Amino acid sequence: MLFFAPKCVVCGEAASVEKVRCARCDIEMVGDFRLPRLALLSVESAKIAEQFLLCDGSIKKLCGRLGLSYPTVRKRVTAMIKELRTTSPSSSPSRPS
């Protein structure tokens, strides 16, 4: 399974999720699925967000987990928060009627 970044690999514009399939029962659901804001983060920011949550929201623990200095981790967390604030679920494209 690949980590999904909802951007077109050709032009970089926002991509939409239109089909979801259950691997167990092989049922498919087709539609215009809106993604939560966390799913709209860049791959790097999503990884930081995931690790931050797994570290109980502690930057100090995150520093230890990543093996990076506090200022470096703080800068990455700040960038992730800024990206999250500027991303909204309504920014994913809607299908033309």
C-alpha atoms as a PDB file:
ATOM      1  CA  MET A   1       0.000   0.000   0.000  1.00  0.00           C
ATOM      2  CA  LEU A   2       1.262   3.460  -0.890  1.00  0.00           C
ATOM      3  CA  PHE A   3       0.919   6.591   1.201  1.00  0.00           C
ATOM      4  CA  PHE A   4      -1.644   8.725  -0.636  1.00  0.00           C
ATOM      5  CA  ALA A   5      -0.950  12.399  -1.150  1.00  0.00           C
ATOM      6  CA  PRO A   6      -4.052  13.869  -2.810  1.00  0.00           C
ATOM      7  CA  LYS A   7      -2.211  15.702  -5.575  1.00  0.00           C
ATOM      8  CA  CYS A   8      -1.921  14.886  -9.249  1.00  0.00           C
ATOM      9  CA  VAL A   9       1.450  13.290 -10.006  1.00  0.00           C
ATOM     10  CA  VAL A  10       1.550  15.094 -13.357  1.00  0.00           C
ATOM     11  CA  CYS A  11       0.474  18.694 -12.662  1.00  0.00           C
ATOM     12  CA  GLY A  12       0.496  18.874  -8.841  1.00  0.00           C
ATOM     13  CA  GLU A  13      -3.105  20.092  -8.533  1.00  0.00           C
ATOM     14  CA  ALA A  14      -5.459  18.650  -5.919  1.00  0.00           C
ATOM     15  CA  ALA A  15      -6.785  15.192  -6.787  1.00  0.00           C
ATOM     16  CA  SER A  16     -10.104  13.758  -5.685  1.00  0.00           C
ATOM     17  CA  VAL A  17     -10.992  10.349  -4.327  1.00  0.00           C
ATOM     18  CA  GLU A  18     -13.775   8.835  -6.380  1.00  0.00           C
ATOM     19  CA  LYS A  19     -13.635   5.130  -5.606  1.00  0.00           C
ATOM     20  CA  VAL A  20     -13.127   3.138  -2.406  1.00  0.00           C
ATOM     21  CA  ARG A  21     -12.848  -0.657  -2.356  1.00  0.00           C
ATOM     22  CA  CYS A  22     -12.983  -3.120   0.532  1.00  0.00           C
ATOM     23  CA  ALA A  23     -10.183  -5.662   0.092  1.00  0.00           C
ATOM     24  CA  ARG A  24     -12.002  -8.235   2.217  1.00  0.00           C
ATOM     25  CA  CYS A  25     -15.385  -8.393   0.477  1.00  0.00           C
ATOM     26  CA  ASP A  26     -14.374  -6.676  -2.788  1.00  0.00           C
ATOM     27  CA  ILE A  27     -17.259  -4.189  -2.686  1.00  0.00           C
ATOM     28  CA  GLU A  28     -16.632  -0.835  -4.365  1.00  0.00           C
ATOM     29  CA  MET A  29     -18.133   2.509  -3.447  1.00  0.00           C
ATOM     30  CA  VAL A  30     -18.045   5.238  -6.086  1.00  0.00           C
ATOM     31  CA  GLY A  31     -18.681   8.916  -5.390  1.00  0.00           C
ATOM     32  CA  ASP A  32     -17.056  12.247  -4.655  1.00  0.00           C
ATOM     33  CA  PHE A  33     -15.406  11.578  -1.290  1.00  0.00           C
ATOM     34  CA  ARG A  34     -14.225  14.540   0.778  1.00  0.00           C
ATOM     35  CA  LEU A  35     -11.047  14.005   2.706  1.00  0.00           C
ATOM     36  CA  PRO A  36     -10.408  15.297   6.235  1.00  0.00           C
ATOM     37  CA  ARG A  37      -7.856  18.085   6.605  1.00  0.00           C
ATOM     38  CA  LEU A  38      -5.192  15.741   7.960  1.00  0.00           C
ATOM     39  CA  ALA A  39      -5.438  13.685   4.767  1.00  0.00           C
ATOM     40  CA  LEU A  40      -4.780  16.812   2.701  1.00  0.00           C
ATOM     41  CA  LEU A  41      -1.369  17.475   4.268  1.00  0.00           C
ATOM     42  CA  SER A  42       1.832  16.914   2.310  1.00  0.00           C
ATOM     43  CA  VAL A  43       3.514  13.561   2.905  1.00  0.00           C
ATOM     44  CA  GLU A  44       6.165  15.185   5.131  1.00  0.00           C
ATOM     45  CA  SER A  45       3.612  17.074   7.244  1.00  0.00           C
ATOM     46  CA  ALA A  46       1.417  13.983   7.556  1.00  0.00           C
ATOM     47  CA  LYS A  47       4.371  11.971   8.864  1.00  0.00           C
ATOM     48  CA  ILE A  48       5.168  14.714  11.400  1.00  0.00           C
ATOM     49  CA  ALA A  49       1.508  14.868  12.498  1.00  0.00           C
ATOM     50  CA  GLU A  50       1.348  11.094  12.937  1.00  0.00           C
ATOM     51  CA  GLN A  51       4.561  10.936  14.962  1.00  0.00           C
ATOM     52  CA  PHE A  52       3.538  13.979  17.027  1.00  0.00           C
ATOM     53  CA  LEU A  53       0.276  12.256  17.998  1.00  0.00           C
ATOM     54  CA  LEU A  54       2.093   8.996  18.779  1.00  0.00           C
ATOM     55  CA  CYS A  55       4.386  11.022  21.070  1.00  0.00           C
ATOM     56  CA  ASP A  56       1.351  12.264  23.030  1.00  0.00           C
ATOM     57  CA  GLY A  57       1.773  15.746  21.555  1.00  0.00           C
ATOM     58  CA  SER A  58       5.180  16.151  23.184  1.00  0.00           C
ATOM     59  CA  ILE A  59       7.786  17.900  21.054  1.00  0.00           C
ATOM     60  CA  LYS A  60      10.465  16.670  23.461  1.00  0.00           C
ATOM     61  CA  LYS A  61       9.413  13.037  22.843  1.00  0.00           C
ATOM     62  CA  LEU A  62       9.189  13.741  19.116  1.00  0.00           C
ATOM     63  CA  CYS A  63      12.791  15.005  19.153  1.00  0.00           C
ATOM     64  CA  GLY A  64      13.893  11.718  20.677  1.00  0.00           C
ATOM     65  CA  ARG A  65      11.879   9.651  18.214  1.00  0.00           C
ATOM     66  CA  LEU A  66      13.198  11.559  15.191  1.00  0.00           C
ATOM     67  CA  GLY A  67      16.730  12.035  16.536  1.00  0.00           C
ATOM     68  CA  LEU A  68      16.600  15.758  15.777  1.00  0.00           C
ATOM     69  CA  SER A  69      17.183  18.915  17.808  1.00  0.00           C
ATOM     70  CA  TYR A  70      14.302  20.791  19.449  1.00  0.00           C
ATOM     71  CA  PRO A  71      14.579  23.846  17.126  1.00  0.00           C
ATOM     72  CA  THR A  72      14.491  21.611  14.024  1.00  0.00           C
ATOM     73  CA  VAL A  73      11.468  19.650  15.236  1.00  0.00           C
ATOM     74  CA  ARG A  74       9.700  22.822  16.405  1.00  0.00           C
ATOM     75  CA  LYS A  75      10.200  24.318  12.933  1.00  0.00           C
ATOM     76  CA  ARG A  76       8.717  21.195  11.282  1.00  0.00           C
ATOM     77  CA  VAL A  77       5.743  21.121  13.663  1.00  0.00           C
ATOM     78  CA  THR A  78       5.124  24.837  13.062  1.00  0.00           C
ATOM     79  CA  ALA A  79       5.215  24.254   9.283  1.00  0.00           C
ATOM     80  CA  MET A  80       2.774  21.337   9.666  1.00  0.00           C
ATOM     81  CA  ILE A  81       0.393  23.484  11.745  1.00  0.00           C
ATOM     82  CA  LYS A  82       0.593  26.324   9.205  1.00  0.00           C
ATOM     83  CA  GLU A  83      -0.169  23.891   6.385  1.00  0.00           C
ATOM     84  CA  LEU A  84      -3.079  22.434   8.349  1.00  0.00           C
ATOM     85  CA  ARG A  85      -4.524  25.906   8.993  1.00  0.00           C
ATOM     86  CA  THR A  86      -4.380  26.808   5.298  1.00  0.00           C
ATOM     87  CA  THR A  87      -5.925  23.507   4.159  1.00  0.00           C
ATOM     88  CA  SER A  88      -9.662  23.026   4.298  1.00  0.00           C
ATOM     89  CA  PRO A  89     -11.829  20.049   3.348  1.00  0.00           C
ATOM     90  CA  SER A  90     -13.627  22.251   0.832  1.00  0.00           C
ATOM     91  CA  SER A  91     -10.337  22.743  -1.034  1.00  0.00           C
ATOM     92  CA  SER A  92     -10.568  19.275  -2.528  1.00  0.00           C
ATOM     93  CA  PRO A  93     -11.970  19.537  -6.036  1.00  0.00           C
ATOM     94  CA  SER A  94     -15.613  18.865  -6.775  1.00  0.00           C
ATOM     95  CA  ARG A  95     -16.754  16.977  -9.794  1.00  0.00           C
ATOM     96  CA  PRO A  96     -18.423  19.103 -12.502  1.00  0.00           C
ATOM     97  CA  SER A  97     -22.224  18.713 -12.651  1.00  0.00           C
END
